């Protein structure tokens, strides 16, 4: 009896003296945000092990899966977490699995996963991000018409500014690549003055300048960009465009690939360098994902860029004209 009482006291005392699950979750989340994945993983694992009935158990499982450094391991974890999880956690795991396909450049699988996830979830707050990434996959698969249709709806009627703006920028790029310069320009101009697109205004101003009908209007837009956003990445390009280049210089590029992993873009760039082609890597942040486009060029005219597209396609590679 005495031993039982001592054991009960010890366990009770340990529970009282131990770190509460809410604090474990908070510390693990801070580690995750700081990029300290090992510490974060240990914290989420501890909560899952010691508090299987706590309300934070499923959220900890989700975060534990996100801590995986390898895509294959992450996939296994998300599948394991979603097996018996509540509907909302299951839906989150499903969209994370779609993201995993995307960052591994499995565009066919990712597009299907996003499409399946969206069925019956029109009102879900995550639906706009899923639509955007599905549109991105369609674009990368060469299905620009389908991509443009999907992204146009999100650009016109989206409720979340970030995804609405991202859709506009990609849609403008598709139109530009298809030769619809006025269509691309109308999107850039609208975004340049829209409050909902404020975070993307530097990119919109640069796009407006690239598609400006006159040299004078282009110069004014570039100067506005430099004045209003001197520290933006786009300002460096704006300064270069104002630095005595010939009219149209640097406005066109030929995109030959786009990757979620920069290492893949570097490999492609080196491969084309061996073929005697100068390539550049341009990065863009889209939500939580970074994508790296490989471009040949720049070319002074659209005609020169289209000639390069024909040359690249003759070698069995995909290529589209895009703003440089």
C-alpha atoms as a PDB file:
ATOM      1  CA  UNK A   1       0.000   0.000   0.000  1.00  0.00           C
ATOM      2  CA  UNK A   2       2.838   2.331   0.952  1.00  0.00           C
ATOM      3  CA  UNK A   3       4.695   1.544  -2.296  1.00  0.00           C
ATOM      4  CA  UNK A   4       1.540   2.192  -4.325  1.00  0.00           C
ATOM      5  CA  UNK A   5       1.053   5.526  -2.607  1.00  0.00           C
ATOM      6  CA  UNK A   6       4.661   6.515  -3.237  1.00  0.00           C
ATOM      7  CA  UNK A   7       4.385   5.576  -6.915  1.00  0.00           C
ATOM      8  CA  UNK A   8       1.124   7.512  -7.251  1.00  0.00           C
ATOM      9  CA  UNK A   9       2.693  10.527  -5.542  1.00  0.00           C
ATOM     10  CA  UNK A  10       5.752  10.308  -7.813  1.00  0.00           C
ATOM     11  CA  UNK A  11       3.702  10.132 -10.993  1.00  0.00           C
ATOM     12  CA  UNK A  12       1.466  12.955  -9.885  1.00  0.00           C
ATOM     13  CA  UNK A  13       4.427  15.043  -8.841  1.00  0.00           C
ATOM     14  CA  UNK A  14       6.171  14.371 -12.148  1.00  0.00           C
ATOM     15  CA  UNK A  15       3.106  15.488 -14.067  1.00  0.00           C
ATOM     16  CA  UNK A  16       2.868  18.680 -12.027  1.00  0.00           C
ATOM     17  CA  UNK A  17       6.579  19.407 -12.208  1.00  0.00           C
ATOM     18  CA  UNK A  18       6.875  18.496 -15.891  1.00  0.00           C
ATOM     19  CA  UNK A  19       6.467  20.917 -18.788  1.00  0.00           C
ATOM     20  CA  UNK A  20       2.808  21.400 -19.789  1.00  0.00           C
ATOM     21  CA  UNK A  21       1.937  20.220 -23.320  1.00  0.00           C
ATOM     22  CA  UNK A  22       0.998  23.762 -24.361  1.00  0.00           C
ATOM     23  CA  UNK A  23       4.503  24.944 -23.477  1.00  0.00           C
ATOM     24  CA  UNK A  24       6.098  22.000 -25.267  1.00  0.00           C
ATOM     25  CA  UNK A  25       4.085  22.885 -28.375  1.00  0.00           C
ATOM     26  CA  UNK A  26       4.990  26.579 -28.113  1.00  0.00           C
ATOM     27  CA  UNK A  27       8.712  25.908 -27.763  1.00  0.00           C
ATOM     28  CA  UNK A  28       8.688  23.381 -30.602  1.00  0.00           C
ATOM     29  CA  UNK A  29       6.827  25.851 -32.817  1.00  0.00           C
ATOM     30  CA  UNK A  30       9.384  28.577 -32.078  1.00  0.00           C
ATOM     31  CA  UNK A  31      12.174  26.158 -32.989  1.00  0.00           C
ATOM     32  CA  UNK A  32      10.369  25.298 -36.221  1.00  0.00           C
ATOM     33  CA  UNK A  33      10.015  28.966 -37.160  1.00  0.00           C
ATOM     34  CA  UNK A  34      13.708  29.495 -36.419  1.00  0.00           C
ATOM     35  CA  UNK A  35      14.668  26.602 -38.683  1.00  0.00           C
ATOM     36  CA  UNK A  36      15.914  24.469 -35.785  1.00  0.00           C
ATOM     37  CA  UNK A  37      14.272  21.314 -37.101  1.00  0.00           C
ATOM     38  CA  UNK A  38      15.885  18.797 -34.788  1.00  0.00           C
ATOM     39  CA  UNK A  39      14.715  20.642 -31.670  1.00  0.00           C
ATOM     40  CA  UNK A  40      11.270  21.164 -33.188  1.00  0.00           C
ATOM     41  CA  UNK A  41      10.943  17.511 -34.140  1.00  0.00           C
ATOM     42  CA  UNK A  42      11.965  16.411 -30.649  1.00  0.00           C
ATOM     43  CA  UNK A  43       9.359  18.679 -29.069  1.00  0.00           C
ATOM     44  CA  UNK A  44       6.485  17.596 -31.289  1.00  0.00           C
ATOM     45  CA  UNK A  45       7.497  13.941 -30.859  1.00  0.00           C
ATOM     46  CA  UNK A  46       7.521  14.373 -27.082  1.00  0.00           C
ATOM     47  CA  UNK A  47       4.024  15.817 -27.080  1.00  0.00           C
ATOM     48  CA  UNK A  48       2.716  13.024 -29.304  1.00  0.00           C
ATOM     49  CA  UNK A  49       4.341  10.392 -27.112  1.00  0.00           C
ATOM     50  CA  UNK A  50       3.335  11.739 -23.705  1.00  0.00           C
ATOM     51  CA  UNK A  51      -0.040  13.370 -24.399  1.00  0.00           C
ATOM     52  CA  UNK A  52      -1.916  11.206 -26.933  1.00  0.00           C
ATOM     53  CA  UNK A  53      -5.306  12.503 -25.768  1.00  0.00           C
ATOM     54  CA  UNK A  54      -4.456  16.191 -25.639  1.00  0.00           C
ATOM     55  CA  UNK A  55      -6.149  18.605 -28.025  1.00  0.00           C
ATOM     56  CA  UNK A  56      -2.736  19.518 -29.495  1.00  0.00           C
ATOM     57  CA  UNK A  57      -1.903  15.895 -30.338  1.00  0.00           C
ATOM     58  CA  UNK A  58      -3.017  16.043 -33.984  1.00  0.00           C
ATOM     59  CA  UNK A  59      -1.495  19.469 -34.597  1.00  0.00           C
ATOM     60  CA  UNK A  60       1.759  18.126 -33.194  1.00  0.00           C
ATOM     61  CA  UNK A  61       1.580  15.224 -35.629  1.00  0.00           C
ATOM     62  CA  UNK A  62       1.118  17.631 -38.510  1.00  0.00           C
ATOM     63  CA  UNK A  63       4.106  19.722 -37.422  1.00  0.00           C
ATOM     64  CA  UNK A  64       6.185  16.590 -36.776  1.00  0.00           C
ATOM     65  CA  UNK A  65       5.612  15.568 -40.383  1.00  0.00           C
ATOM     66  CA  UNK A  66       6.633  19.035 -41.581  1.00  0.00           C
ATOM     67  CA  UNK A  67       9.936  18.680 -39.725  1.00  0.00           C
ATOM     68  CA  UNK A  68      11.098  15.867 -42.038  1.00  0.00           C
ATOM     69  CA  UNK A  69      14.121  16.962 -44.047  1.00  0.00           C
ATOM     70  CA  UNK A  70      13.648  14.423 -46.836  1.00  0.00           C
ATOM     71  CA  UNK A  71      10.555  14.497 -49.102  1.00  0.00           C
ATOM     72  CA  UNK A  72      10.220  10.720 -48.966  1.00  0.00           C
ATOM     73  CA  UNK A  73      10.271  10.713 -45.164  1.00  0.00           C
ATOM     74  CA  UNK A  74       7.825  13.622 -45.092  1.00  0.00           C
ATOM     75  CA  UNK A  75       5.423  11.707 -47.314  1.00  0.00           C
ATOM     76  CA  UNK A  76       5.527   8.690 -45.005  1.00  0.00           C
ATOM     77  CA  UNK A  77       4.829  10.887 -41.990  1.00  0.00           C
ATOM     78  CA  UNK A  78       1.881  12.725 -43.525  1.00  0.00           C
ATOM     79  CA  UNK A  79       0.339   9.425 -44.616  1.00  0.00           C
ATOM     80  CA  UNK A  80       0.802   8.037 -41.093  1.00  0.00           C
ATOM     81  CA  UNK A  81      -0.695  11.137 -39.440  1.00  0.00           C
ATOM     82  CA  UNK A  82      -3.738  11.311 -41.705  1.00  0.00           C
ATOM     83  CA  UNK A  83      -4.643   7.631 -41.215  1.00  0.00           C
ATOM     84  CA  UNK A  84      -6.805   8.212 -38.117  1.00  0.00           C
ATOM     85  CA  UNK A  85      -6.834  12.006 -37.941  1.00  0.00           C
ATOM     86  CA  UNK A  86      -9.878  14.335 -37.755  1.00  0.00           C
ATOM     87  CA  UNK A  87     -11.176  15.644 -41.119  1.00  0.00           C
ATOM     88  CA  UNK A  88      -9.410  19.015 -40.941  1.00  0.00           C
ATOM     89  CA  UNK A  89      -6.021  17.486 -40.166  1.00  0.00           C
ATOM     90  CA  UNK A  90      -6.575  14.900 -42.897  1.00  0.00           C
ATOM     91  CA  UNK A  91      -7.307  17.684 -45.399  1.00  0.00           C
ATOM     92  CA  UNK A  92      -4.148  19.508 -44.319  1.00  0.00           C
ATOM     93  CA  UNK A  93      -2.083  16.354 -44.809  1.00  0.00           C
ATOM     94  CA  UNK A  94      -3.580  15.843 -48.274  1.00  0.00           C
ATOM     95  CA  UNK A  95      -2.637  19.330 -49.418  1.00  0.00           C
ATOM     96  CA  UNK A  96       0.850  18.925 -47.922  1.00  0.00           C
ATOM     97  CA  UNK A  97       1.255  15.742 -49.974  1.00  0.00           C
ATOM     98  CA  UNK A  98       0.301  17.728 -53.083  1.00  0.00           C
ATOM     99  CA  UNK A  99       2.947  20.309 -52.168  1.00  0.00           C
ATOM    100  CA  UNK A 100       5.513  17.512 -51.843  1.00  0.00           C
ATOM    101  CA  UNK A 101       4.766  16.415 -55.401  1.00  0.00           C
ATOM    102  CA  UNK A 102       5.136  20.013 -56.559  1.00  0.00           C
ATOM    103  CA  UNK A 103       8.498  20.638 -54.891  1.00  0.00           C
ATOM    104  CA  UNK A 104       9.792  17.430 -56.464  1.00  0.00           C
ATOM    105  CA  UNK A 105       8.615  18.710 -59.872  1.00  0.00           C
ATOM    106  CA  UNK A 106       6.054  15.904 -60.231  1.00  0.00           C
ATOM    107  CA  UNK A 107       3.651  18.267 -61.937  1.00  0.00           C
ATOM    108  CA  UNK A 108       1.246  15.604 -63.243  1.00  0.00           C
ATOM    109  CA  UNK A 109       0.822  14.080 -59.780  1.00  0.00           C
ATOM    110  CA  UNK A 110       0.614  17.466 -58.075  1.00  0.00           C
ATOM    111  CA  UNK A 111      -1.999  18.809 -60.516  1.00  0.00           C
ATOM    112  CA  UNK A 112      -4.211  15.772 -59.960  1.00  0.00           C
ATOM    113  CA  UNK A 113      -3.733  15.963 -56.184  1.00  0.00           C
ATOM    114  CA  UNK A 114      -4.760  19.627 -56.083  1.00  0.00           C
ATOM    115  CA  UNK A 115      -7.743  18.963 -58.362  1.00  0.00           C
ATOM    116  CA  UNK A 116      -8.918  16.067 -56.174  1.00  0.00           C
ATOM    117  CA  UNK A 117      -8.417  18.097 -53.005  1.00  0.00           C
ATOM    118  CA  UNK A 118     -10.550  20.959 -54.353  1.00  0.00           C
ATOM    119  CA  UNK A 119     -13.613  18.770 -54.956  1.00  0.00           C
ATOM    120  CA  UNK A 120     -16.281  19.921 -52.525  1.00  0.00           C
ATOM    121  CA  UNK A 121     -13.998  22.473 -50.858  1.00  0.00           C
ATOM    122  CA  UNK A 122     -14.922  25.704 -52.643  1.00  0.00           C
ATOM    123  CA  UNK A 123     -15.448  27.519 -49.339  1.00  0.00           C
ATOM    124  CA  UNK A 124     -12.324  26.206 -47.629  1.00  0.00           C
ATOM    125  CA  UNK A 125      -9.858  28.992 -46.782  1.00  0.00           C
ATOM    126  CA  UNK A 126      -7.083  26.892 -48.362  1.00  0.00           C
ATOM    127  CA  UNK A 127      -8.908  26.550 -51.683  1.00  0.00           C
ATOM    128  CA  UNK A 128      -7.381  29.633 -53.305  1.00  0.00           C
ATOM    129  CA  UNK A 129      -3.826  28.482 -52.641  1.00  0.00           C
ATOM    130  CA  UNK A 130      -4.700  25.031 -54.031  1.00  0.00           C
ATOM    131  CA  UNK A 131      -6.198  26.616 -57.170  1.00  0.00           C
ATOM    132  CA  UNK A 132      -3.124  28.752 -57.664  1.00  0.00           C
ATOM    133  CA  UNK A 133      -0.715  25.847 -57.364  1.00  0.00           C
ATOM    134  CA  UNK A 134      -2.866  23.724 -59.649  1.00  0.00           C
ATOM    135  CA  UNK A 135      -2.689  26.548 -62.204  1.00  0.00           C
ATOM    136  CA  UNK A 136       1.087  26.659 -61.805  1.00  0.00           C
ATOM    137  CA  UNK A 137       1.294  22.912 -62.464  1.00  0.00           C
ATOM    138  CA  UNK A 138      -0.849  23.252 -65.577  1.00  0.00           C
ATOM    139  CA  UNK A 139       1.459  25.977 -66.852  1.00  0.00           C
ATOM    140  CA  UNK A 140       4.541  23.834 -66.237  1.00  0.00           C
ATOM    141  CA  UNK A 141       2.860  20.938 -68.066  1.00  0.00           C
ATOM    142  CA  UNK A 142       2.467  23.143 -71.137  1.00  0.00           C
ATOM    143  CA  UNK A 143      -1.304  23.443 -70.691  1.00  0.00           C
ATOM    144  CA  UNK A 144      -1.231  27.232 -70.719  1.00  0.00           C
ATOM    145  CA  UNK A 145      -4.843  27.630 -71.843  1.00  0.00           C
ATOM    146  CA  UNK A 146      -6.189  25.641 -68.899  1.00  0.00           C
ATOM    147  CA  UNK A 147      -3.810  27.410 -66.552  1.00  0.00           C
ATOM    148  CA  UNK A 148      -4.884  30.841 -67.816  1.00  0.00           C
ATOM    149  CA  UNK A 149      -8.570  29.971 -67.393  1.00  0.00           C
ATOM    150  CA  UNK A 150      -8.068  28.827 -63.815  1.00  0.00           C
ATOM    151  CA  UNK A 151      -5.812  31.720 -62.817  1.00  0.00           C
ATOM    152  CA  UNK A 152      -8.001  34.339 -64.478  1.00  0.00           C
ATOM    153  CA  UNK A 153     -10.918  33.377 -62.241  1.00  0.00           C
ATOM    154  CA  UNK A 154      -8.727  33.624 -59.157  1.00  0.00           C
ATOM    155  CA  UNK A 155      -7.246  36.940 -60.296  1.00  0.00           C
ATOM    156  CA  UNK A 156     -10.673  38.455 -60.943  1.00  0.00           C
ATOM    157  CA  UNK A 157     -12.599  37.067 -57.979  1.00  0.00           C
ATOM    158  CA  UNK A 158     -10.055  35.936 -55.393  1.00  0.00           C
ATOM    159  CA  UNK A 159     -10.707  36.936 -51.792  1.00  0.00           C
ATOM    160  CA  UNK A 160      -7.174  36.463 -50.469  1.00  0.00           C
ATOM    161  CA  UNK A 161      -4.821  39.210 -51.708  1.00  0.00           C
ATOM    162  CA  UNK A 162      -1.668  37.077 -51.756  1.00  0.00           C
ATOM    163  CA  UNK A 163      -3.059  34.352 -54.037  1.00  0.00           C
ATOM    164  CA  UNK A 164      -4.993  36.838 -56.151  1.00  0.00           C
ATOM    165  CA  UNK A 165      -1.791  38.770 -56.781  1.00  0.00           C
ATOM    166  CA  UNK A 166       0.304  35.662 -57.475  1.00  0.00           C
ATOM    167  CA  UNK A 167      -2.311  34.517 -59.963  1.00  0.00           C
ATOM    168  CA  UNK A 168      -2.224  37.883 -61.700  1.00  0.00           C
ATOM    169  CA  UNK A 169       1.548  37.825 -62.092  1.00  0.00           C
ATOM    170  CA  UNK A 170       1.601  34.293 -63.498  1.00  0.00           C
ATOM    171  CA  UNK A 171      -1.385  35.005 -65.750  1.00  0.00           C
ATOM    172  CA  UNK A 172       0.351  38.107 -67.119  1.00  0.00           C
ATOM    173  CA  UNK A 173       3.450  36.017 -67.811  1.00  0.00           C
ATOM    174  CA  UNK A 174       1.387  33.452 -69.723  1.00  0.00           C
ATOM    175  CA  UNK A 175      -0.233  36.176 -71.810  1.00  0.00           C
ATOM    176  CA  UNK A 176       3.142  37.786 -72.474  1.00  0.00           C
ATOM    177  CA  UNK A 177       4.591  34.452 -73.568  1.00  0.00           C
ATOM    178  CA  UNK A 178       1.660  33.910 -75.939  1.00  0.00           C
ATOM    179  CA  UNK A 179       2.232  37.293 -77.574  1.00  0.00           C
ATOM    180  CA  UNK A 180      -0.704  39.048 -75.899  1.00  0.00           C
ATOM    181  CA  UNK A 181       1.324  42.050 -74.763  1.00  0.00           C
ATOM    182  CA  UNK A 182      -1.714  44.295 -74.253  1.00  0.00           C
ATOM    183  CA  UNK A 183      -3.417  41.599 -72.167  1.00  0.00           C
ATOM    184  CA  UNK A 184      -0.348  41.238 -69.970  1.00  0.00           C
ATOM    185  CA  UNK A 185      -0.059  44.995 -69.641  1.00  0.00           C
ATOM    186  CA  UNK A 186      -3.677  45.419 -68.540  1.00  0.00           C
ATOM    187  CA  UNK A 187      -3.053  43.020 -65.644  1.00  0.00           C
ATOM    188  CA  UNK A 188       0.178  44.732 -64.598  1.00  0.00           C
ATOM    189  CA  UNK A 189      -1.440  48.182 -64.752  1.00  0.00           C
ATOM    190  CA  UNK A 190      -4.438  47.058 -62.689  1.00  0.00           C
ATOM    191  CA  UNK A 191      -2.179  45.509 -60.066  1.00  0.00           C
ATOM    192  CA  UNK A 192       0.041  48.592 -59.930  1.00  0.00           C
ATOM    193  CA  UNK A 193      -2.853  50.669 -58.596  1.00  0.00           C
ATOM    194  CA  UNK A 194      -4.821  48.075 -56.617  1.00  0.00           C
ATOM    195  CA  UNK A 195      -4.717  48.166 -52.829  1.00  0.00           C
ATOM    196  CA  UNK A 196      -5.112  44.376 -52.638  1.00  0.00           C
ATOM    197  CA  UNK A 197      -1.957  43.967 -54.760  1.00  0.00           C
ATOM    198  CA  UNK A 198       0.152  46.372 -52.714  1.00  0.00           C
ATOM    199  CA  UNK A 199       2.718  43.698 -51.739  1.00  0.00           C
ATOM    200  CA  UNK A 200       3.264  42.848 -55.413  1.00  0.00           C
ATOM    201  CA  UNK A 201       3.427  46.431 -56.676  1.00  0.00           C
ATOM    202  CA  UNK A 202       7.189  46.380 -57.451  1.00  0.00           C
ATOM    203  CA  UNK A 203       6.696  43.370 -59.730  1.00  0.00           C
ATOM    204  CA  UNK A 204       3.605  44.940 -61.278  1.00  0.00           C
ATOM    205  CA  UNK A 205       5.431  48.206 -61.973  1.00  0.00           C
ATOM    206  CA  UNK A 206       8.305  46.356 -63.604  1.00  0.00           C
ATOM    207  CA  UNK A 207       5.855  44.348 -65.703  1.00  0.00           C
ATOM    208  CA  UNK A 208       4.066  47.556 -66.708  1.00  0.00           C
ATOM    209  CA  UNK A 209       7.392  49.046 -67.761  1.00  0.00           C
ATOM    210  CA  UNK A 210       8.340  45.996 -69.804  1.00  0.00           C
ATOM    211  CA  UNK A 211       5.048  46.136 -71.675  1.00  0.00           C
ATOM    212  CA  UNK A 212       4.820  49.939 -71.979  1.00  0.00           C
ATOM    213  CA  UNK A 213       3.905  51.115 -75.505  1.00  0.00           C
ATOM    214  CA  UNK A 214       6.405  54.010 -75.519  1.00  0.00           C
ATOM    215  CA  UNK A 215       9.933  54.592 -74.268  1.00  0.00           C
ATOM    216  CA  UNK A 216       8.783  57.648 -72.336  1.00  0.00           C
ATOM    217  CA  UNK A 217       6.107  55.771 -70.427  1.00  0.00           C
ATOM    218  CA  UNK A 218       8.536  52.932 -69.729  1.00  0.00           C
ATOM    219  CA  UNK A 219      11.096  55.352 -68.301  1.00  0.00           C
ATOM    220  CA  UNK A 220       8.491  57.002 -66.053  1.00  0.00           C
ATOM    221  CA  UNK A 221       7.379  53.650 -64.623  1.00  0.00           C
ATOM    222  CA  UNK A 222      10.958  52.581 -63.990  1.00  0.00           C
ATOM    223  CA  UNK A 223      11.705  55.845 -62.189  1.00  0.00           C
ATOM    224  CA  UNK A 224       8.573  55.430 -60.059  1.00  0.00           C
ATOM    225  CA  UNK A 225       9.753  51.942 -59.142  1.00  0.00           C
ATOM    226  CA  UNK A 226      13.205  53.197 -58.150  1.00  0.00           C
ATOM    227  CA  UNK A 227      11.756  56.064 -56.123  1.00  0.00           C
ATOM    228  CA  UNK A 228       9.081  54.098 -54.268  1.00  0.00           C
ATOM    229  CA  UNK A 229      10.929  50.790 -53.786  1.00  0.00           C
ATOM    230  CA  UNK A 230      14.677  51.485 -53.799  1.00  0.00           C
ATOM    231  CA  UNK A 231      15.473  48.283 -51.879  1.00  0.00           C
ATOM    232  CA  UNK A 232      13.279  45.912 -53.896  1.00  0.00           C
ATOM    233  CA  UNK A 233      14.937  43.266 -56.076  1.00  0.00           C
ATOM    234  CA  UNK A 234      13.063  44.677 -59.064  1.00  0.00           C
ATOM    235  CA  UNK A 235      14.777  48.054 -58.618  1.00  0.00           C
ATOM    236  CA  UNK A 236      18.139  46.632 -59.657  1.00  0.00           C
ATOM    237  CA  UNK A 237      16.613  45.551 -62.953  1.00  0.00           C
ATOM    238  CA  UNK A 238      14.841  48.886 -63.305  1.00  0.00           C
ATOM    239  CA  UNK A 239      18.145  50.716 -62.842  1.00  0.00           C
ATOM    240  CA  UNK A 240      19.762  48.505 -65.480  1.00  0.00           C
ATOM    241  CA  UNK A 241      16.922  49.181 -67.914  1.00  0.00           C
ATOM    242  CA  UNK A 242      17.440  52.925 -67.410  1.00  0.00           C
ATOM    243  CA  UNK A 243      21.197  52.655 -67.798  1.00  0.00           C
ATOM    244  CA  UNK A 244      21.588  53.328 -71.484  1.00  0.00           C
ATOM    245  CA  UNK A 245      20.417  50.038 -72.935  1.00  0.00           C
ATOM    246  CA  UNK A 246      19.025  50.081 -76.434  1.00  0.00           C
ATOM    247  CA  UNK A 247      15.263  50.190 -76.753  1.00  0.00           C
ATOM    248  CA  UNK A 248      13.775  46.804 -75.960  1.00  0.00           C
ATOM    249  CA  UNK A 249      17.050  45.357 -74.679  1.00  0.00           C
ATOM    250  CA  UNK A 250      16.505  42.676 -72.071  1.00  0.00           C
ATOM    251  CA  UNK A 251      12.727  42.569 -72.373  1.00  0.00           C
ATOM    252  CA  UNK A 252      12.482  38.998 -73.639  1.00  0.00           C
ATOM    253  CA  UNK A 253      13.758  35.706 -72.361  1.00  0.00           C
ATOM    254  CA  UNK A 254      13.189  32.051 -73.205  1.00  0.00           C
ATOM    255  CA  UNK A 255      12.182  29.955 -70.216  1.00  0.00           C
ATOM    256  CA  UNK A 256      13.464  26.404 -70.555  1.00  0.00           C
ATOM    257  CA  UNK A 257      12.661  25.147 -67.067  1.00  0.00           C
ATOM    258  CA  UNK A 258      11.270  26.021 -63.640  1.00  0.00           C
ATOM    259  CA  UNK A 259      12.107  24.121 -60.489  1.00  0.00           C
ATOM    260  CA  UNK A 260      11.284  24.173 -56.813  1.00  0.00           C
ATOM    261  CA  UNK A 261      14.837  23.114 -55.990  1.00  0.00           C
ATOM    262  CA  UNK A 262      17.580  25.532 -56.966  1.00  0.00           C
ATOM    263  CA  UNK A 263      20.034  22.667 -57.427  1.00  0.00           C
ATOM    264  CA  UNK A 264      17.960  21.413 -60.365  1.00  0.00           C
ATOM    265  CA  UNK A 265      17.995  24.866 -61.933  1.00  0.00           C
ATOM    266  CA  UNK A 266      21.773  25.067 -61.488  1.00  0.00           C
ATOM    267  CA  UNK A 267      22.218  21.696 -63.191  1.00  0.00           C
ATOM    268  CA  UNK A 268      20.074  22.773 -66.149  1.00  0.00           C
ATOM    269  CA  UNK A 269      21.927  26.075 -66.443  1.00  0.00           C
ATOM    270  CA  UNK A 270      25.279  24.259 -66.516  1.00  0.00           C
ATOM    271  CA  UNK A 271      23.982  21.757 -69.067  1.00  0.00           C
ATOM    272  CA  UNK A 272      22.940  24.511 -71.447  1.00  0.00           C
ATOM    273  CA  UNK A 273      26.213  26.340 -70.875  1.00  0.00           C
ATOM    274  CA  UNK A 274      27.983  23.249 -72.208  1.00  0.00           C
ATOM    275  CA  UNK A 275      25.813  23.614 -75.304  1.00  0.00           C
ATOM    276  CA  UNK A 276      27.046  27.170 -75.728  1.00  0.00           C
ATOM    277  CA  UNK A 277      23.881  28.852 -74.423  1.00  0.00           C
ATOM    278  CA  UNK A 278      23.976  31.582 -71.794  1.00  0.00           C
ATOM    279  CA  UNK A 279      21.314  31.026 -69.149  1.00  0.00           C
ATOM    280  CA  UNK A 280      20.254  32.793 -65.975  1.00  0.00           C
ATOM    281  CA  UNK A 281      18.301  31.677 -62.912  1.00  0.00           C
ATOM    282  CA  UNK A 282      15.531  33.931 -61.668  1.00  0.00           C
ATOM    283  CA  UNK A 283      13.822  33.149 -58.347  1.00  0.00           C
ATOM    284  CA  UNK A 284      10.317  33.974 -57.229  1.00  0.00           C
ATOM    285  CA  UNK A 285       8.532  33.483 -53.933  1.00  0.00           C
ATOM    286  CA  UNK A 286       5.018  32.117 -54.212  1.00  0.00           C
ATOM    287  CA  UNK A 287       3.386  31.732 -50.864  1.00  0.00           C
ATOM    288  CA  UNK A 288       5.564  29.322 -48.948  1.00  0.00           C
ATOM    289  CA  UNK A 289       7.339  27.994 -52.031  1.00  0.00           C
ATOM    290  CA  UNK A 290      10.350  29.318 -53.900  1.00  0.00           C
ATOM    291  CA  UNK A 291      10.597  28.499 -57.582  1.00  0.00           C
ATOM    292  CA  UNK A 292      13.623  28.930 -59.820  1.00  0.00           C
ATOM    293  CA  UNK A 293      13.193  29.620 -63.531  1.00  0.00           C
ATOM    294  CA  UNK A 294      16.006  29.008 -66.046  1.00  0.00           C
ATOM    295  CA  UNK A 295      16.004  31.567 -68.857  1.00  0.00           C
ATOM    296  CA  UNK A 296      18.042  31.961 -72.013  1.00  0.00           C
ATOM    297  CA  UNK A 297      18.689  35.495 -73.193  1.00  0.00           C
ATOM    298  CA  UNK A 298      18.041  38.332 -72.893  1.00  0.00           C
ATOM    299  CA  UNK A 299      16.860  39.079 -76.430  1.00  0.00           C
ATOM    300  CA  UNK A 300      16.315  42.525 -77.891  1.00  0.00           C
ATOM    301  CA  UNK A 301      13.159  41.584 -79.788  1.00  0.00           C
ATOM    302  CA  UNK A 302      10.320  39.120 -79.416  1.00  0.00           C
ATOM    303  CA  UNK A 303      11.151  37.763 -82.866  1.00  0.00           C
ATOM    304  CA  UNK A 304      14.666  36.855 -81.740  1.00  0.00           C
ATOM    305  CA  UNK A 305      13.281  35.135 -78.644  1.00  0.00           C
ATOM    306  CA  UNK A 306      10.800  33.133 -80.740  1.00  0.00           C
ATOM    307  CA  UNK A 307      13.605  32.015 -83.032  1.00  0.00           C
ATOM    308  CA  UNK A 308      15.425  30.726 -79.961  1.00  0.00           C
ATOM    309  CA  UNK A 309      12.258  28.907 -78.843  1.00  0.00           C
ATOM    310  CA  UNK A 310      12.185  27.100 -82.192  1.00  0.00           C
ATOM    311  CA  UNK A 311      15.846  26.142 -81.805  1.00  0.00           C
ATOM    312  CA  UNK A 312      15.337  24.836 -78.272  1.00  0.00           C
ATOM    313  CA  UNK A 313      12.232  22.854 -79.214  1.00  0.00           C
ATOM    314  CA  UNK A 314      14.110  21.297 -82.123  1.00  0.00           C
ATOM    315  CA  UNK A 315      16.454  19.838 -79.504  1.00  0.00           C
ATOM    316  CA  UNK A 316      13.530  18.169 -77.755  1.00  0.00           C
ATOM    317  CA  UNK A 317      13.198  20.661 -74.884  1.00  0.00           C
ATOM    318  CA  UNK A 318      10.261  22.785 -73.780  1.00  0.00           C
ATOM    319  CA  UNK A 319      10.526  26.557 -74.146  1.00  0.00           C
ATOM    320  CA  UNK A 320       8.318  29.630 -73.961  1.00  0.00           C
ATOM    321  CA  UNK A 321       8.893  33.360 -74.409  1.00  0.00           C
ATOM    322  CA  UNK A 322       8.658  35.235 -71.120  1.00  0.00           C
ATOM    323  CA  UNK A 323       9.571  38.644 -69.653  1.00  0.00           C
ATOM    324  CA  UNK A 324      13.264  38.740 -68.755  1.00  0.00           C
END
